[in-house]
C-alpha cells in the first residue's frame, strides 16, 4: 500500500492532463494515468524528474466498465485514492441547425456523465480515510458565451444552417460547474473537497492544430497578462486544490485565465 498521496488523472496523455500529471508526479504524488491511447500515456510517464510512481490504465472514461477498472486497478496497486482530477473532455463543432443528437450525447457522456460516475466510484475509499480532493476541469466557457469574432476563420456562419457553434461543450462545462457545487455539499462531512478549475486560453498540442496566429494574437490581446497560459500553470493550480492546505476550499471555481474573463 502506498504511503504517499495517490491521484487519478483522466485525459493524461496530452495537453493539460499531461502537464498536470507531471506537476503532481514531480511533487511526489503517485499518479494513475488514464486515456484512450496507451502510447501517449507512456510518453507522459517517461518524462524526466518524476519522483512519484505511475500506473497506466488505458481506458475510455465514457464507458462504465472502464471507469470501474480504473478505480479497481488503482486500489489493487496502491490501496488508496486521495485525488481525482477529472480532466478528460471532448468537443464538437457544427452549424447550429446541423448539430445532431449523437454528437450531443458523445460530449455529455465524457464531459458530465463520466465525471459524476467516476466521482461516485472514488468516494467510498476517500470516505474511508476521511480525506479526498476532487478537481473538475471545466472552462471559462462554462459561464460565458463564445464570441465567434475572436476566432477568425473558425466559426463560419451559414446563411441557411446558421452559425457554427459547439453547444454541447458549453452546456457540459456549465453542468460540470454546478455538479461540482452540489457534490461539494454532499461530501463535505466526509473530509472530501470538490472544486472546479476553469482554464482560459491555453496553447496545448490540440489547440495548436486548431487556432491560427490571428486567433492567438486576438485572444492574447484580450488577456490582461498579454499571453496564453502554459499547460503547467493548470497543474500548479490543481496541485494547490489537491493539497492539505486547501481543506477549507470546496464548491469553488478557480479561473486560471490570466484575467481574460474579467474584461
C-alpha atoms as a PDB file:
ATOM      1  CA  UNK A   1       0.000   0.000   0.000  1.00  0.00           C
ATOM      2  CA  UNK A   2       1.318   3.415  -0.914  1.00  0.00           C
ATOM      3  CA  UNK A   3       2.212   5.756   1.939  1.00  0.00           C
ATOM      4  CA  UNK A   4       2.060   8.742  -0.407  1.00  0.00           C
ATOM      5  CA  UNK A   5      -0.922  10.508  -1.859  1.00  0.00           C
ATOM      6  CA  UNK A   6      -2.413   8.807  -4.900  1.00  0.00           C
ATOM      7  CA  UNK A   7      -4.082  10.712  -7.745  1.00  0.00           C
ATOM      8  CA  UNK A   8      -6.104   9.597 -10.746  1.00  0.00           C
ATOM      9  CA  UNK A   9      -5.690  11.949 -13.705  1.00  0.00           C
ATOM     10  CA  UNK A  10      -8.006  11.401 -16.658  1.00  0.00           C
ATOM     11  CA  UNK A  11      -7.004  12.520 -20.129  1.00  0.00           C
ATOM     12  CA  UNK A  12      -3.365  12.333 -19.020  1.00  0.00           C
ATOM     13  CA  UNK A  13      -1.948  11.520 -22.453  1.00  0.00           C
ATOM     14  CA  UNK A  14      -1.601  15.085 -23.670  1.00  0.00           C
ATOM     15  CA  UNK A  15      -2.245  18.761 -23.070  1.00  0.00           C
ATOM     16  CA  UNK A  16      -3.433  19.968 -19.687  1.00  0.00           C
ATOM     17  CA  UNK A  17      -3.771  16.423 -18.368  1.00  0.00           C
ATOM     18  CA  UNK A  18      -0.160  15.560 -19.156  1.00  0.00           C
ATOM     19  CA  UNK A  19       1.120  18.799 -17.659  1.00  0.00           C
ATOM     20  CA  UNK A  20      -0.978  18.260 -14.527  1.00  0.00           C
ATOM     21  CA  UNK A  21       0.301  14.715 -14.134  1.00  0.00           C
ATOM     22  CA  UNK A  22       3.895  15.951 -14.447  1.00  0.00           C
ATOM     23  CA  UNK A  23       3.406  18.590 -11.743  1.00  0.00           C
ATOM     24  CA  UNK A  24       1.830  16.067  -9.361  1.00  0.00           C
ATOM     25  CA  UNK A  25       4.475  13.431 -10.045  1.00  0.00           C
ATOM     26  CA  UNK A  26       7.273  15.932  -9.528  1.00  0.00           C
ATOM     27  CA  UNK A  27       5.683  16.714  -6.168  1.00  0.00           C
ATOM     28  CA  UNK A  28       5.970  13.073  -5.096  1.00  0.00           C
ATOM     29  CA  UNK A  29       2.343  12.131  -5.667  1.00  0.00           C
ATOM     30  CA  UNK A  30       1.743   8.693  -7.183  1.00  0.00           C
ATOM     31  CA  UNK A  31      -0.371   9.051 -10.311  1.00  0.00           C
ATOM     32  CA  UNK A  32      -2.713   6.776 -12.222  1.00  0.00           C
ATOM     33  CA  UNK A  33      -2.669   7.994 -15.806  1.00  0.00           C
ATOM     34  CA  UNK A  34      -5.754   7.285 -17.889  1.00  0.00           C
ATOM     35  CA  UNK A  35      -6.546   7.982 -21.509  1.00  0.00           C
ATOM     36  CA  UNK A  36      -7.614   6.199 -24.659  1.00  0.00           C
ATOM     37  CA  UNK A  37      -4.156   5.903 -26.249  1.00  0.00           C
ATOM     38  CA  UNK A  38      -1.555   3.915 -24.369  1.00  0.00           C
ATOM     39  CA  UNK A  39       1.335   5.299 -26.424  1.00  0.00           C
ATOM     40  CA  UNK A  40       0.556   8.828 -25.240  1.00  0.00           C
ATOM     41  CA  UNK A  41       0.284   7.681 -21.618  1.00  0.00           C
ATOM     42  CA  UNK A  42       3.714   6.096 -21.956  1.00  0.00           C
ATOM     43  CA  UNK A  43       5.089   9.402 -23.236  1.00  0.00           C
ATOM     44  CA  UNK A  44       3.651  11.169 -20.208  1.00  0.00           C
ATOM     45  CA  UNK A  45       5.134   8.611 -17.827  1.00  0.00           C
ATOM     46  CA  UNK A  46       8.580   8.619 -19.467  1.00  0.00           C
ATOM     47  CA  UNK A  47       9.272  12.307 -18.766  1.00  0.00           C
ATOM     48  CA  UNK A  48      12.299  13.076 -16.600  1.00  0.00           C
ATOM     49  CA  UNK A  49      12.358  14.242 -12.971  1.00  0.00           C
ATOM     50  CA  UNK A  50       9.237  12.388 -11.900  1.00  0.00           C
ATOM     51  CA  UNK A  51       9.534  11.288  -8.276  1.00  0.00           C
ATOM     52  CA  UNK A  52       6.064   9.792  -7.996  1.00  0.00           C
ATOM     53  CA  UNK A  53       5.149   6.293  -9.185  1.00  0.00           C
ATOM     54  CA  UNK A  54       2.950   5.893 -12.259  1.00  0.00           C
ATOM     55  CA  UNK A  55       0.313   3.361 -13.184  1.00  0.00           C
ATOM     56  CA  UNK A  56      -1.009   3.444 -16.746  1.00  0.00           C
ATOM     57  CA  UNK A  57      -4.626   2.426 -17.300  1.00  0.00           C
ATOM     58  CA  UNK A  58      -5.593   2.830 -20.982  1.00  0.00           C
ATOM     59  CA  UNK A  59      -9.334   3.435 -20.926  1.00  0.00           C
ATOM     60  CA  UNK A  60     -12.280   5.469 -22.109  1.00  0.00           C
ATOM     61  CA  UNK A  61     -13.965   7.188 -19.171  1.00  0.00           C
ATOM     62  CA  UNK A  62     -17.209   7.362 -21.141  1.00  0.00           C
ATOM     63  CA  UNK A  63     -17.551   3.580 -20.646  1.00  0.00           C
ATOM     64  CA  UNK A  64     -18.872   2.370 -17.248  1.00  0.00           C
ATOM     65  CA  UNK A  65     -16.704  -0.751 -17.295  1.00  0.00           C
ATOM     66  CA  UNK A  66     -13.582   1.309 -17.923  1.00  0.00           C
ATOM     67  CA  UNK A  67     -14.370   3.659 -15.053  1.00  0.00           C
ATOM     68  CA  UNK A  68     -14.752   0.703 -12.723  1.00  0.00           C
ATOM     69  CA  UNK A  69     -11.481  -0.769 -13.978  1.00  0.00           C
ATOM     70  CA  UNK A  70      -9.598   2.489 -13.381  1.00  0.00           C
ATOM     71  CA  UNK A  71     -10.679   2.586  -9.754  1.00  0.00           C
ATOM     72  CA  UNK A  72     -10.131  -1.114  -9.118  1.00  0.00           C
ATOM     73  CA  UNK A  73      -6.644  -1.149 -10.644  1.00  0.00           C
ATOM     74  CA  UNK A  74      -5.746   1.920  -8.584  1.00  0.00           C
ATOM     75  CA  UNK A  75      -6.839   0.233  -5.361  1.00  0.00           C
ATOM     76  CA  UNK A  76      -5.135  -3.024  -6.312  1.00  0.00           C
ATOM     77  CA  UNK A  77      -1.833  -1.228  -6.914  1.00  0.00           C
ATOM     78  CA  UNK A  78      -1.826   1.489  -4.268  1.00  0.00           C
ATOM     79  CA  UNK A  79      -4.570   0.598  -1.796  1.00  0.00           C
ATOM     80  CA  UNK A  80      -5.922   4.131  -1.697  1.00  0.00           C
ATOM     81  CA  UNK A  81      -7.294   7.044  -3.731  1.00  0.00           C
ATOM     82  CA  UNK A  82      -6.723  10.559  -2.438  1.00  0.00           C
ATOM     83  CA  UNK A  83      -7.133  12.776  -5.503  1.00  0.00           C
ATOM     84  CA  UNK A  84      -9.256  12.645  -8.629  1.00  0.00           C
ATOM     85  CA  UNK A  85      -8.616  15.062 -11.481  1.00  0.00           C
ATOM     86  CA  UNK A  86     -11.492  14.915 -13.973  1.00  0.00           C
ATOM     87  CA  UNK A  87      -9.654  16.366 -16.943  1.00  0.00           C
ATOM     88  CA  UNK A  88     -10.747  14.254 -19.929  1.00  0.00           C
ATOM     89  CA  UNK A  89     -13.065  16.145 -22.240  1.00  0.00           C
ATOM     90  CA  UNK A  90     -14.254  16.320 -25.822  1.00  0.00           C
ATOM     91  CA  UNK A  91     -15.983  18.862 -28.023  1.00  0.00           C
ATOM     92  CA  UNK A  92     -17.613  19.128 -31.425  1.00  0.00           C
ATOM     93  CA  UNK A  93     -18.480  21.964 -33.801  1.00  0.00           C
ATOM     94  CA  UNK A  94     -21.212  22.176 -36.404  1.00  0.00           C
ATOM     95  CA  UNK A  95     -23.665  24.607 -37.917  1.00  0.00           C
ATOM     96  CA  UNK A  96     -26.356  25.203 -35.328  1.00  0.00           C
ATOM     97  CA  UNK A  97     -29.164  23.506 -37.278  1.00  0.00           C
ATOM     98  CA  UNK A  98     -26.930  20.553 -38.165  1.00  0.00           C
ATOM     99  CA  UNK A  99     -25.764  19.693 -34.644  1.00  0.00           C
ATOM    100  CA  UNK A 100     -27.084  16.180 -34.048  1.00  0.00           C
ATOM    101  CA  UNK A 101     -28.138  14.019 -31.121  1.00  0.00           C
ATOM    102  CA  UNK A 102     -25.225  11.605 -31.416  1.00  0.00           C
ATOM    103  CA  UNK A 103     -22.609  14.336 -31.096  1.00  0.00           C
ATOM    104  CA  UNK A 104     -24.520  15.968 -28.231  1.00  0.00           C
ATOM    105  CA  UNK A 105     -24.632  12.698 -26.299  1.00  0.00           C
ATOM    106  CA  UNK A 106     -20.978  11.911 -27.068  1.00  0.00           C
ATOM    107  CA  UNK A 107     -19.884  15.163 -25.452  1.00  0.00           C
ATOM    108  CA  UNK A 108     -22.222  14.814 -22.481  1.00  0.00           C
ATOM    109  CA  UNK A 109     -21.120  11.225 -21.793  1.00  0.00           C
ATOM    110  CA  UNK A 110     -17.485  12.252 -21.459  1.00  0.00           C
ATOM    111  CA  UNK A 111     -17.717  15.763 -20.034  1.00  0.00           C
ATOM    112  CA  UNK A 112     -20.510  15.295 -17.497  1.00  0.00           C
ATOM    113  CA  UNK A 113     -21.703  11.729 -17.050  1.00  0.00           C
ATOM    114  CA  UNK A 114     -18.216  10.217 -16.811  1.00  0.00           C
ATOM    115  CA  UNK A 115     -17.138  12.837 -14.285  1.00  0.00           C
ATOM    116  CA  UNK A 116     -20.052  12.220 -11.963  1.00  0.00           C
ATOM    117  CA  UNK A 117     -19.852   8.458 -12.003  1.00  0.00           C
ATOM    118  CA  UNK A 118     -16.085   8.431 -11.599  1.00  0.00           C
ATOM    119  CA  UNK A 119     -16.562  10.686  -8.575  1.00  0.00           C
ATOM    120  CA  UNK A 120     -19.126   8.241  -7.258  1.00  0.00           C
ATOM    121  CA  UNK A 121     -16.658   5.367  -7.566  1.00  0.00           C
ATOM    122  CA  UNK A 122     -13.803   7.098  -5.738  1.00  0.00           C
ATOM    123  CA  UNK A 123     -15.934   8.397  -2.868  1.00  0.00           C
ATOM    124  CA  UNK A 124     -16.012   5.158  -0.785  1.00  0.00           C
ATOM    125  CA  UNK A 125     -12.191   4.816  -0.475  1.00  0.00           C
ATOM    126  CA  UNK A 126     -11.903   8.567   0.166  1.00  0.00           C
ATOM    127  CA  UNK A 127     -14.641   8.432   2.789  1.00  0.00           C
ATOM    128  CA  UNK A 128     -12.903   5.517   4.492  1.00  0.00           C
ATOM    129  CA  UNK A 129      -9.789   7.659   5.029  1.00  0.00           C
ATOM    130  CA  UNK A 130     -11.771  10.845   5.686  1.00  0.00           C
ATOM    131  CA  UNK A 131      -9.699  12.581   3.029  1.00  0.00           C
ATOM    132  CA  UNK A 132     -10.294  13.350  -0.608  1.00  0.00           C
ATOM    133  CA  UNK A 133      -9.687  16.010  -3.205  1.00  0.00           C
ATOM    134  CA  UNK A 134     -11.722  16.108  -6.414  1.00  0.00           C
ATOM    135  CA  UNK A 135     -10.824  18.692  -9.042  1.00  0.00           C
ATOM    136  CA  UNK A 136     -13.058  19.021 -12.095  1.00  0.00           C
ATOM    137  CA  UNK A 137     -11.521  20.755 -15.104  1.00  0.00           C
ATOM    138  CA  UNK A 138     -14.212  22.972 -16.558  1.00  0.00           C
ATOM    139  CA  UNK A 139     -13.776  26.080 -18.736  1.00  0.00           C
ATOM    140  CA  UNK A 140     -14.353  29.817 -18.727  1.00  0.00           C
ATOM    141  CA  UNK A 141     -16.985  28.928 -21.324  1.00  0.00           C
ATOM    142  CA  UNK A 142     -18.958  27.123 -18.646  1.00  0.00           C
ATOM    143  CA  UNK A 143     -20.321  30.540 -17.661  1.00  0.00           C
ATOM    144  CA  UNK A 144     -19.525  32.754 -20.648  1.00  0.00           C
ATOM    145  CA  UNK A 145     -20.876  32.801 -24.172  1.00  0.00           C
ATOM    146  CA  UNK A 146     -18.493  32.389 -27.082  1.00  0.00           C
ATOM    147  CA  UNK A 147     -17.832  35.448 -29.229  1.00  0.00           C
ATOM    148  CA  UNK A 148     -17.060  33.977 -32.646  1.00  0.00           C
ATOM    149  CA  UNK A 149     -15.433  37.243 -33.746  1.00  0.00           C
ATOM    150  CA  UNK A 150     -12.489  36.406 -31.502  1.00  0.00           C
ATOM    151  CA  UNK A 151     -11.801  33.239 -33.512  1.00  0.00           C
ATOM    152  CA  UNK A 152     -11.308  34.368 -37.128  1.00  0.00           C
ATOM    153  CA  UNK A 153     -11.929  31.569 -39.588  1.00  0.00           C
ATOM    154  CA  UNK A 154     -13.053  29.032 -37.009  1.00  0.00           C
ATOM    155  CA  UNK A 155     -16.788  29.647 -36.656  1.00  0.00           C
ATOM    156  CA  UNK A 156     -18.367  30.162 -40.046  1.00  0.00           C
ATOM    157  CA  UNK A 157     -21.903  31.472 -40.425  1.00  0.00           C
ATOM    158  CA  UNK A 158     -24.005  29.644 -42.998  1.00  0.00           C
ATOM    159  CA  UNK A 159     -26.997  31.595 -44.254  1.00  0.00           C
ATOM    160  CA  UNK A 160     -29.238  28.512 -44.245  1.00  0.00           C
ATOM    161  CA  UNK A 161     -27.860  26.309 -41.491  1.00  0.00           C
ATOM    162  CA  UNK A 162     -26.885  29.020 -39.025  1.00  0.00           C
ATOM    163  CA  UNK A 163     -23.649  29.876 -37.210  1.00  0.00           C
ATOM    164  CA  UNK A 164     -21.104  27.219 -36.372  1.00  0.00           C
ATOM    165  CA  UNK A 165     -21.145  26.611 -32.627  1.00  0.00           C
ATOM    166  CA  UNK A 166     -20.148  23.998 -30.059  1.00  0.00           C
ATOM    167  CA  UNK A 167     -23.315  23.932 -27.928  1.00  0.00           C
ATOM    168  CA  UNK A 168     -22.790  20.612 -26.166  1.00  0.00           C
ATOM    169  CA  UNK A 169     -19.323  21.628 -24.985  1.00  0.00           C
ATOM    170  CA  UNK A 170     -20.529  24.868 -23.407  1.00  0.00           C
ATOM    171  CA  UNK A 171     -23.552  23.190 -21.864  1.00  0.00           C
ATOM    172  CA  UNK A 172     -21.442  20.352 -20.472  1.00  0.00           C
ATOM    173  CA  UNK A 173     -18.964  22.694 -18.807  1.00  0.00           C
ATOM    174  CA  UNK A 174     -21.780  24.682 -17.220  1.00  0.00           C
ATOM    175  CA  UNK A 175     -23.297  21.441 -15.936  1.00  0.00           C
ATOM    176  CA  UNK A 176     -19.949  20.364 -14.517  1.00  0.00           C
ATOM    177  CA  UNK A 177     -19.633  23.626 -12.604  1.00  0.00           C
ATOM    178  CA  UNK A 178     -22.979  23.107 -10.887  1.00  0.00           C
ATOM    179  CA  UNK A 179     -22.335  19.414 -10.339  1.00  0.00           C
ATOM    180  CA  UNK A 180     -19.170  20.463  -8.508  1.00  0.00           C
ATOM    181  CA  UNK A 181     -21.156  22.688  -6.149  1.00  0.00           C
ATOM    182  CA  UNK A 182     -23.813  20.088  -5.429  1.00  0.00           C
ATOM    183  CA  UNK A 183     -21.312  17.297  -4.848  1.00  0.00           C
ATOM    184  CA  UNK A 184     -19.197  19.512  -2.601  1.00  0.00           C
ATOM    185  CA  UNK A 185     -22.158  19.968  -0.269  1.00  0.00           C
ATOM    186  CA  UNK A 186     -22.917  16.254  -0.189  1.00  0.00           C
ATOM    187  CA  UNK A 187     -19.422  15.025   0.698  1.00  0.00           C
ATOM    188  CA  UNK A 188     -18.007  17.802   2.891  1.00  0.00           C
ATOM    189  CA  UNK A 189     -18.848  15.866   6.071  1.00  0.00           C
ATOM    190  CA  UNK A 190     -16.569  13.056   4.856  1.00  0.00           C
ATOM    191  CA  UNK A 191     -13.468  15.225   4.677  1.00  0.00           C
ATOM    192  CA  UNK A 192     -13.681  15.451   0.895  1.00  0.00           C
ATOM    193  CA  UNK A 193     -13.496  18.687  -1.088  1.00  0.00           C
ATOM    194  CA  UNK A 194     -14.780  19.162  -4.630  1.00  0.00           C
ATOM    195  CA  UNK A 195     -13.673  22.152  -6.677  1.00  0.00           C
ATOM    196  CA  UNK A 196     -13.633  23.203 -10.301  1.00  0.00           C
ATOM    197  CA  UNK A 197     -10.790  24.774 -12.215  1.00  0.00           C
ATOM    198  CA  UNK A 198     -11.690  26.794 -15.305  1.00  0.00           C
ATOM    199  CA  UNK A 199      -8.864  27.305 -17.798  1.00  0.00           C
ATOM    200  CA  UNK A 200      -8.865  30.275 -20.108  1.00  0.00           C
ATOM    201  CA  UNK A 201      -6.701  30.335 -23.220  1.00  0.00           C
ATOM    202  CA  UNK A 202      -4.021  27.646 -23.225  1.00  0.00           C
ATOM    203  CA  UNK A 203      -1.883  26.612 -26.156  1.00  0.00           C
ATOM    204  CA  UNK A 204      -1.909  22.817 -25.917  1.00  0.00           C
ATOM    205  CA  UNK A 205      -0.993  20.355 -28.653  1.00  0.00           C
ATOM    206  CA  UNK A 206      -4.638  20.127 -29.656  1.00  0.00           C
ATOM    207  CA  UNK A 207      -5.088  23.891 -29.717  1.00  0.00           C
ATOM    208  CA  UNK A 208      -2.015  24.342 -31.916  1.00  0.00           C
ATOM    209  CA  UNK A 209      -3.729  22.249 -34.575  1.00  0.00           C
ATOM    210  CA  UNK A 210      -6.862  24.419 -34.490  1.00  0.00           C
ATOM    211  CA  UNK A 211      -6.020  28.033 -33.781  1.00  0.00           C
ATOM    212  CA  UNK A 212      -4.023  30.186 -36.165  1.00  0.00           C
ATOM    213  CA  UNK A 213      -1.686  33.104 -35.489  1.00  0.00           C
ATOM    214  CA  UNK A 214      -4.521  35.590 -35.917  1.00  0.00           C
ATOM    215  CA  UNK A 215      -6.598  33.865 -33.245  1.00  0.00           C
ATOM    216  CA  UNK A 216      -3.627  33.692 -30.881  1.00  0.00           C
ATOM    217  CA  UNK A 217      -2.962  37.404 -31.331  1.00  0.00           C
ATOM    218  CA  UNK A 218      -6.633  38.271 -30.867  1.00  0.00           C
ATOM    219  CA  UNK A 219      -7.063  36.308 -27.665  1.00  0.00           C
ATOM    220  CA  UNK A 220      -3.698  37.340 -26.227  1.00  0.00           C
ATOM    221  CA  UNK A 221      -4.636  40.982 -26.708  1.00  0.00           C
ATOM    222  CA  UNK A 222      -7.816  40.381 -24.696  1.00  0.00           C
ATOM    223  CA  UNK A 223      -5.903  38.810 -21.796  1.00  0.00           C
ATOM    224  CA  UNK A 224      -4.640  41.292 -19.202  1.00  0.00           C
ATOM    225  CA  UNK A 225      -1.353  39.410 -18.746  1.00  0.00           C
ATOM    226  CA  UNK A 226      -0.932  39.515 -22.530  1.00  0.00           C
ATOM    227  CA  UNK A 227      -0.363  35.874 -23.364  1.00  0.00           C
ATOM    228  CA  UNK A 228      -1.780  32.354 -23.480  1.00  0.00           C
ATOM    229  CA  UNK A 229      -1.322  30.152 -20.439  1.00  0.00           C
ATOM    230  CA  UNK A 230       1.331  27.464 -20.154  1.00  0.00           C
ATOM    231  CA  UNK A 231      -0.172  23.998 -19.508  1.00  0.00           C
ATOM    232  CA  UNK A 232       1.878  23.545 -16.330  1.00  0.00           C
ATOM    233  CA  UNK A 233       0.092  26.552 -14.854  1.00  0.00           C
ATOM    234  CA  UNK A 234      -3.047  24.417 -14.715  1.00  0.00           C
ATOM    235  CA  UNK A 235      -1.015  21.729 -12.969  1.00  0.00           C
ATOM    236  CA  UNK A 236       0.146  24.177 -10.303  1.00  0.00           C
ATOM    237  CA  UNK A 237      -3.450  25.205  -9.600  1.00  0.00           C
ATOM    238  CA  UNK A 238      -4.589  21.577  -9.429  1.00  0.00           C
ATOM    239  CA  UNK A 239      -1.742  20.778  -7.036  1.00  0.00           C
ATOM    240  CA  UNK A 240      -2.925  23.521  -4.688  1.00  0.00           C
ATOM    241  CA  UNK A 241      -6.580  22.467  -4.739  1.00  0.00           C
ATOM    242  CA  UNK A 242      -5.469  18.854  -4.179  1.00  0.00           C
ATOM    243  CA  UNK A 243      -3.331  19.756  -1.188  1.00  0.00           C
ATOM    244  CA  UNK A 244      -3.983  19.536   2.538  1.00  0.00           C
ATOM    245  CA  UNK A 245      -3.646  23.315   2.685  1.00  0.00           C
ATOM    246  CA  UNK A 246      -6.834  23.691   0.596  1.00  0.00           C
ATOM    247  CA  UNK A 247      -9.006  21.863   3.120  1.00  0.00           C
ATOM    248  CA  UNK A 248     -11.307  24.867   3.669  1.00  0.00           C
ATOM    249  CA  UNK A 249     -11.945  25.438  -0.045  1.00  0.00           C
ATOM    250  CA  UNK A 250     -14.807  23.487  -1.545  1.00  0.00           C
ATOM    251  CA  UNK A 251     -17.504  24.098  -4.132  1.00  0.00           C
ATOM    252  CA  UNK A 252     -15.341  26.853  -5.622  1.00  0.00           C
ATOM    253  CA  UNK A 253     -14.498  27.744  -9.210  1.00  0.00           C
ATOM    254  CA  UNK A 254     -10.883  28.809  -9.695  1.00  0.00           C
ATOM    255  CA  UNK A 255     -10.380  30.574 -13.009  1.00  0.00           C
ATOM    256  CA  UNK A 256      -6.885  30.244 -14.417  1.00  0.00           C
ATOM    257  CA  UNK A 257      -7.146  32.603 -17.358  1.00  0.00           C
ATOM    258  CA  UNK A 258      -4.695  35.470 -16.932  1.00  0.00           C
ATOM    259  CA  UNK A 259      -7.633  37.761 -16.238  1.00  0.00           C
ATOM    260  CA  UNK A 260      -9.272  37.053 -19.606  1.00  0.00           C
ATOM    261  CA  UNK A 261     -12.780  36.771 -18.147  1.00  0.00           C
ATOM    262  CA  UNK A 262     -12.693  39.965 -16.064  1.00  0.00           C
ATOM    263  CA  UNK A 263     -12.655  42.347 -19.075  1.00  0.00           C
END
